[in-house]
C-alpha atoms as a PDB file:
ATOM      1  CA  UNK A   1       3.578  13.150 -17.746  1.00  0.00           C
ATOM      2  CA  UNK A   2       4.348   9.520 -18.382  1.00  0.00           C
ATOM      3  CA  UNK A   3       1.649   6.870 -18.175  1.00  0.00           C
ATOM      4  CA  UNK A   4       3.041   3.449 -17.510  1.00  0.00           C
ATOM      5  CA  UNK A   5       1.514  -0.017 -17.133  1.00  0.00           C
ATOM      6  CA  UNK A   6       3.499  -1.576 -14.298  1.00  0.00           C
ATOM      7  CA  UNK A   7       1.879  -4.956 -14.924  1.00  0.00           C
ATOM      8  CA  UNK A   8       2.489  -5.178 -18.694  1.00  0.00           C
ATOM      9  CA  UNK A   9       5.316  -7.728 -18.574  1.00  0.00           C
ATOM     10  CA  UNK A  10       4.087  -9.690 -15.566  1.00  0.00           C
ATOM     11  CA  UNK A  11       2.618 -13.195 -15.906  1.00  0.00           C
ATOM     12  CA  UNK A  12       0.613 -13.116 -12.678  1.00  0.00           C
ATOM     13  CA  UNK A  13       0.497  -9.510 -11.468  1.00  0.00           C
ATOM     14  CA  UNK A  14      -0.358  -8.716  -7.867  1.00  0.00           C
ATOM     15  CA  UNK A  15      -1.250  -5.071  -7.227  1.00  0.00           C
ATOM     16  CA  UNK A  16      -1.948  -3.111  -4.047  1.00  0.00           C
ATOM     17  CA  UNK A  17      -3.133   0.520  -4.104  1.00  0.00           C
ATOM     18  CA  UNK A  18      -2.552   2.363  -0.821  1.00  0.00           C
ATOM     19  CA  UNK A  19      -3.784   5.935  -0.315  1.00  0.00           C
ATOM     20  CA  UNK A  20      -1.360   7.782   1.993  1.00  0.00           C
ATOM     21  CA  UNK A  21      -1.907  10.917   4.065  1.00  0.00           C
ATOM     22  CA  UNK A  22      -5.211  12.510   4.942  1.00  0.00           C
ATOM     23  CA  UNK A  23      -6.239  14.170   1.713  1.00  0.00           C
ATOM     24  CA  UNK A  24      -8.233  17.376   1.637  1.00  0.00           C
ATOM     25  CA  UNK A  25     -10.859  17.576   4.352  1.00  0.00           C
ATOM     26  CA  UNK A  26     -14.410  17.512   3.034  1.00  0.00           C
ATOM     27  CA  UNK A  27     -17.117  18.630   5.456  1.00  0.00           C
ATOM     28  CA  UNK A  28     -19.707  16.188   4.051  1.00  0.00           C
ATOM     29  CA  UNK A  29     -17.368  13.169   4.009  1.00  0.00           C
ATOM     30  CA  UNK A  30     -16.104  11.104   6.903  1.00  0.00           C
ATOM     31  CA  UNK A  31     -12.569   9.674   6.743  1.00  0.00           C
ATOM     32  CA  UNK A  32     -12.141   5.922   6.472  1.00  0.00           C
ATOM     33  CA  UNK A  33     -11.354   4.507   9.895  1.00  0.00           C
ATOM     34  CA  UNK A  34      -7.883   3.325   8.905  1.00  0.00           C
ATOM     35  CA  UNK A  35      -7.088   6.678   7.274  1.00  0.00           C
ATOM     36  CA  UNK A  36      -7.913   8.520  10.463  1.00  0.00           C
ATOM     37  CA  UNK A  37      -5.920   6.116  12.650  1.00  0.00           C
ATOM     38  CA  UNK A  38      -2.959   5.118  10.428  1.00  0.00           C
ATOM     39  CA  UNK A  39      -2.918   7.971   7.845  1.00  0.00           C
ATOM     40  CA  UNK A  40      -3.314   5.402   5.050  1.00  0.00           C
ATOM     41  CA  UNK A  41      -5.902   3.008   3.705  1.00  0.00           C
ATOM     42  CA  UNK A  42      -6.115   0.228   1.176  1.00  0.00           C
ATOM     43  CA  UNK A  43      -7.857   1.394  -1.997  1.00  0.00           C
ATOM     44  CA  UNK A  44      -7.806  -1.981  -3.683  1.00  0.00           C
ATOM     45  CA  UNK A  45      -5.807  -5.086  -4.405  1.00  0.00           C
ATOM     46  CA  UNK A  46      -5.549  -7.929  -6.847  1.00  0.00           C
ATOM     47  CA  UNK A  47      -3.615 -11.022  -5.770  1.00  0.00           C
ATOM     48  CA  UNK A  48      -2.888 -14.126  -7.864  1.00  0.00           C
ATOM     49  CA  UNK A  49      -3.933 -17.353  -6.162  1.00  0.00           C
ATOM     50  CA  UNK A  50      -1.479 -20.132  -7.050  1.00  0.00           C
ATOM     51  CA  UNK A  51      -3.781 -23.077  -6.323  1.00  0.00           C
ATOM     52  CA  UNK A  52      -6.708 -21.957  -8.469  1.00  0.00           C
ATOM     53  CA  UNK A  53      -5.044 -19.588 -10.936  1.00  0.00           C
ATOM     54  CA  UNK A  54      -7.722 -17.036 -10.044  1.00  0.00           C
ATOM     55  CA  UNK A  55      -7.234 -13.548  -8.666  1.00  0.00           C
ATOM     56  CA  UNK A  56      -8.459 -12.330  -5.314  1.00  0.00           C
ATOM     57  CA  UNK A  57      -9.899  -8.822  -5.726  1.00  0.00           C
ATOM     58  CA  UNK A  58     -10.675  -6.239  -3.086  1.00  0.00           C
ATOM     59  CA  UNK A  59     -11.971  -2.782  -4.005  1.00  0.00           C
ATOM     60  CA  UNK A  60     -11.888   0.671  -2.444  1.00  0.00           C
ATOM     61  CA  UNK A  61     -15.233   0.142  -0.714  1.00  0.00           C
ATOM     62  CA  UNK A  62     -13.814  -2.900   1.086  1.00  0.00           C
ATOM     63  CA  UNK A  63     -10.770  -0.799   2.054  1.00  0.00           C
ATOM     64  CA  UNK A  64     -12.915   2.044   3.378  1.00  0.00           C
ATOM     65  CA  UNK A  65     -14.839  -0.312   5.658  1.00  0.00           C
ATOM     66  CA  UNK A  66     -11.794  -2.077   7.114  1.00  0.00           C
ATOM     67  CA  UNK A  67     -11.718  -1.761  10.897  1.00  0.00           C
ATOM     68  CA  UNK A  68      -8.399  -0.737  12.464  1.00  0.00           C
ATOM     69  CA  UNK A  69      -7.839  -4.172  14.031  1.00  0.00           C
ATOM     70  CA  UNK A  70      -8.152  -5.878  10.599  1.00  0.00           C
ATOM     71  CA  UNK A  71      -5.698  -3.723   8.647  1.00  0.00           C
ATOM     72  CA  UNK A  72      -2.641  -5.873   9.366  1.00  0.00           C
ATOM     73  CA  UNK A  73      -4.434  -9.037   8.188  1.00  0.00           C
ATOM     74  CA  UNK A  74      -5.651  -7.178   5.108  1.00  0.00           C
ATOM     75  CA  UNK A  75      -2.074  -6.170   4.252  1.00  0.00           C
ATOM     76  CA  UNK A  76      -0.870  -9.748   4.848  1.00  0.00           C
ATOM     77  CA  UNK A  77      -3.503 -10.925   2.382  1.00  0.00           C
ATOM     78  CA  UNK A  78      -1.591  -9.094  -0.374  1.00  0.00           C
ATOM     79  CA  UNK A  79       1.362 -11.436   0.217  1.00  0.00           C
ATOM     80  CA  UNK A  80      -0.714 -14.619   0.492  1.00  0.00           C
ATOM     81  CA  UNK A  81      -0.180 -16.945  -2.458  1.00  0.00           C
ATOM     82  CA  UNK A  82      -3.394 -18.954  -2.181  1.00  0.00           C
ATOM     83  CA  UNK A  83      -1.652 -22.318  -2.010  1.00  0.00           C
ATOM     84  CA  UNK A  84      -4.058 -23.655   0.610  1.00  0.00           C
ATOM     85  CA  UNK A  85      -7.825 -23.586   0.672  1.00  0.00           C
ATOM     86  CA  UNK A  86      -7.984 -21.618   3.931  1.00  0.00           C
ATOM     87  CA  UNK A  87      -6.159 -18.335   4.490  1.00  0.00           C
ATOM     88  CA  UNK A  88      -4.119 -18.561   7.655  1.00  0.00           C
ATOM     89  CA  UNK A  89      -1.940 -15.627   8.657  1.00  0.00           C
ATOM     90  CA  UNK A  90       1.483 -17.068   9.308  1.00  0.00           C
ATOM     91  CA  UNK A  91       1.456 -19.479   6.381  1.00  0.00           C
ATOM     92  CA  UNK A  92       1.990 -19.148   2.630  1.00  0.00           C
ATOM     93  CA  UNK A  93       3.113 -15.544   2.760  1.00  0.00           C
ATOM     94  CA  UNK A  94       5.651 -14.377   0.196  1.00  0.00           C
ATOM     95  CA  UNK A  95       8.197 -13.087   2.713  1.00  0.00           C
ATOM     96  CA  UNK A  96      10.801 -12.330   0.035  1.00  0.00           C
ATOM     97  CA  UNK A  97       8.474  -9.809  -1.595  1.00  0.00           C
ATOM     98  CA  UNK A  98       7.332  -8.525   1.803  1.00  0.00           C
ATOM     99  CA  UNK A  99      10.926  -7.714   2.828  1.00  0.00           C
ATOM    100  CA  UNK A 100      11.605  -5.933  -0.463  1.00  0.00           C
ATOM    101  CA  UNK A 101       8.525  -3.755  -0.066  1.00  0.00           C
ATOM    102  CA  UNK A 102       9.639  -2.809   3.446  1.00  0.00           C
ATOM    103  CA  UNK A 103      12.943  -1.584   1.983  1.00  0.00           C
ATOM    104  CA  UNK A 104      11.129   0.323  -0.795  1.00  0.00           C
ATOM    105  CA  UNK A 105       8.852   2.002   1.756  1.00  0.00           C
ATOM    106  CA  UNK A 106      11.853   3.012   3.858  1.00  0.00           C
ATOM    107  CA  UNK A 107      13.527   4.587   0.784  1.00  0.00           C
ATOM    108  CA  UNK A 108      10.318   6.387  -0.171  1.00  0.00           C
ATOM    109  CA  UNK A 109       9.962   7.715   3.373  1.00  0.00           C
ATOM    110  CA  UNK A 110      13.474   9.197   3.252  1.00  0.00           C
ATOM    111  CA  UNK A 111      12.832  10.739  -0.166  1.00  0.00           C
ATOM    112  CA  UNK A 112       9.582  12.428   0.898  1.00  0.00           C
ATOM    113  CA  UNK A 113      11.131  13.565   4.179  1.00  0.00           C
ATOM    114  CA  UNK A 114      13.744  15.488   2.189  1.00  0.00           C
ATOM    115  CA  UNK A 115      11.093  17.180   0.002  1.00  0.00           C
ATOM    116  CA  UNK A 116      10.319  20.329   1.979  1.00  0.00           C
ATOM    117  CA  UNK A 117       7.478  22.641   1.006  1.00  0.00           C
ATOM    118  CA  UNK A 118       5.367  20.036  -0.837  1.00  0.00           C
ATOM    119  CA  UNK A 119       2.174  18.473   0.423  1.00  0.00           C
ATOM    120  CA  UNK A 120       1.039  15.318  -1.360  1.00  0.00           C
ATOM    121  CA  UNK A 121      -2.739  15.421  -1.139  1.00  0.00           C
ATOM    122  CA  UNK A 122      -4.507  12.112  -1.861  1.00  0.00           C
ATOM    123  CA  UNK A 123      -1.463  10.453  -3.389  1.00  0.00           C
ATOM    124  CA  UNK A 124      -1.125   6.688  -3.518  1.00  0.00           C
ATOM    125  CA  UNK A 125       1.551   4.060  -3.370  1.00  0.00           C
ATOM    126  CA  UNK A 126       1.148   1.373  -5.993  1.00  0.00           C
ATOM    127  CA  UNK A 127       2.863  -1.878  -5.003  1.00  0.00           C
ATOM    128  CA  UNK A 128       3.271  -4.448  -7.775  1.00  0.00           C
ATOM    129  CA  UNK A 129       4.883  -7.883  -7.966  1.00  0.00           C
ATOM    130  CA  UNK A 130       4.649 -10.980 -10.133  1.00  0.00           C
ATOM    131  CA  UNK A 131       3.426 -14.042  -8.238  1.00  0.00           C
ATOM    132  CA  UNK A 132       5.643 -16.094 -10.561  1.00  0.00           C
ATOM    133  CA  UNK A 133       8.791 -14.238  -9.472  1.00  0.00           C
ATOM    134  CA  UNK A 134      10.701 -11.138 -10.415  1.00  0.00           C
ATOM    135  CA  UNK A 135      11.510  -7.856  -8.761  1.00  0.00           C
ATOM    136  CA  UNK A 136       8.731  -6.049  -6.840  1.00  0.00           C
ATOM    137  CA  UNK A 137       8.085  -2.443  -7.818  1.00  0.00           C
ATOM    138  CA  UNK A 138       6.519   0.477  -6.023  1.00  0.00           C
ATOM    139  CA  UNK A 139       5.493   3.846  -7.433  1.00  0.00           C
ATOM    140  CA  UNK A 140       4.139   6.971  -5.825  1.00  0.00           C
ATOM    141  CA  UNK A 141       1.181   8.043  -7.990  1.00  0.00           C
ATOM    142  CA  UNK A 142      -1.692  10.564  -8.178  1.00  0.00           C
ATOM    143  CA  UNK A 143      -0.062  13.972  -7.866  1.00  0.00           C
ATOM    144  CA  UNK A 144      -2.886  16.073  -9.296  1.00  0.00           C
ATOM    145  CA  UNK A 145      -3.692  17.541  -5.877  1.00  0.00           C
ATOM    146  CA  UNK A 146      -0.119  18.126  -4.682  1.00  0.00           C
ATOM    147  CA  UNK A 147       0.394  21.578  -3.193  1.00  0.00           C
ATOM    148  CA  UNK A 148       3.360  23.844  -2.709  1.00  0.00           C
ATOM    149  CA  UNK A 149       3.319  25.133   0.834  1.00  0.00           C
ATOM    150  CA  UNK A 150       5.432  27.755   2.571  1.00  0.00           C
ATOM    151  CA  UNK A 151       6.210  25.382   5.405  1.00  0.00           C
ATOM    152  CA  UNK A 152       9.820  24.300   5.731  1.00  0.00           C
ATOM    153  CA  UNK A 153       8.792  20.844   6.934  1.00  0.00           C
ATOM    154  CA  UNK A 154       8.089  17.737   4.902  1.00  0.00           C
ATOM    155  CA  UNK A 155       4.551  16.402   4.449  1.00  0.00           C
ATOM    156  CA  UNK A 156       3.936  14.925   7.901  1.00  0.00           C
ATOM    157  CA  UNK A 157       0.607  13.228   7.023  1.00  0.00           C
ATOM    158  CA  UNK A 158       2.128  11.326   4.108  1.00  0.00           C
ATOM    159  CA  UNK A 159       5.236  10.480   6.119  1.00  0.00           C
ATOM    160  CA  UNK A 160       3.119   9.173   8.985  1.00  0.00           C
ATOM    161  CA  UNK A 161       1.070   7.040   6.589  1.00  0.00           C
ATOM    162  CA  UNK A 162       4.189   5.532   4.992  1.00  0.00           C
ATOM    163  CA  UNK A 163       5.793   4.980   8.385  1.00  0.00           C
ATOM    164  CA  UNK A 164       2.677   3.205   9.699  1.00  0.00           C
ATOM    165  CA  UNK A 165       2.423   1.022   6.576  1.00  0.00           C
ATOM    166  CA  UNK A 166       6.093   0.076   6.961  1.00  0.00           C
ATOM    167  CA  UNK A 167       5.612  -0.678  10.666  1.00  0.00           C
ATOM    168  CA  UNK A 168       2.647  -2.973   9.969  1.00  0.00           C
ATOM    169  CA  UNK A 169       4.596  -4.822   7.258  1.00  0.00           C
ATOM    170  CA  UNK A 170       7.438  -5.325   9.746  1.00  0.00           C
ATOM    171  CA  UNK A 171       4.942  -6.723  12.246  1.00  0.00           C
ATOM    172  CA  UNK A 172       3.702  -9.135   9.582  1.00  0.00           C
ATOM    173  CA  UNK A 173       7.307 -10.104   8.850  1.00  0.00           C
ATOM    174  CA  UNK A 174       7.856 -10.901  12.552  1.00  0.00           C
ATOM    175  CA  UNK A 175       4.963 -13.373  12.498  1.00  0.00           C
ATOM    176  CA  UNK A 176       6.788 -15.417   9.867  1.00  0.00           C
END
């Protein structure tokens, strides 16, 4: 196992943690609304705000409460650079980084689709970029609950979550 700090060399790190798939069902716990609908949810984010030098933080509790109709705006917030006082979807979005993450999600989708007989339970995608520039990075993390299954198919829940995340990012891209 290799533990790595993806933000170590970044001046102004922006980080988004996205839980993909459904996880293991728990009878006493209700799924987050976005998890049930999109097969993913935001578990937290930290975004550098250019104007103030501060960071915008959102935690897992915020992500769990997000209604379905707000998920696209919440994802767009990750790409917002804070250069104006009022957040306005359609302005000040880092489209260069957005496009690169779309490509990374598409590659990850293809990789997981080819991995037959493995179910990624409660895994996350960690998206990281430097607000001051540099190459965005994405890692698939949290494998402690991964299961080998006798099925000859790929993990459909995780694939659906990645596909939906990619689709929403493409919709955001179209706005700009």
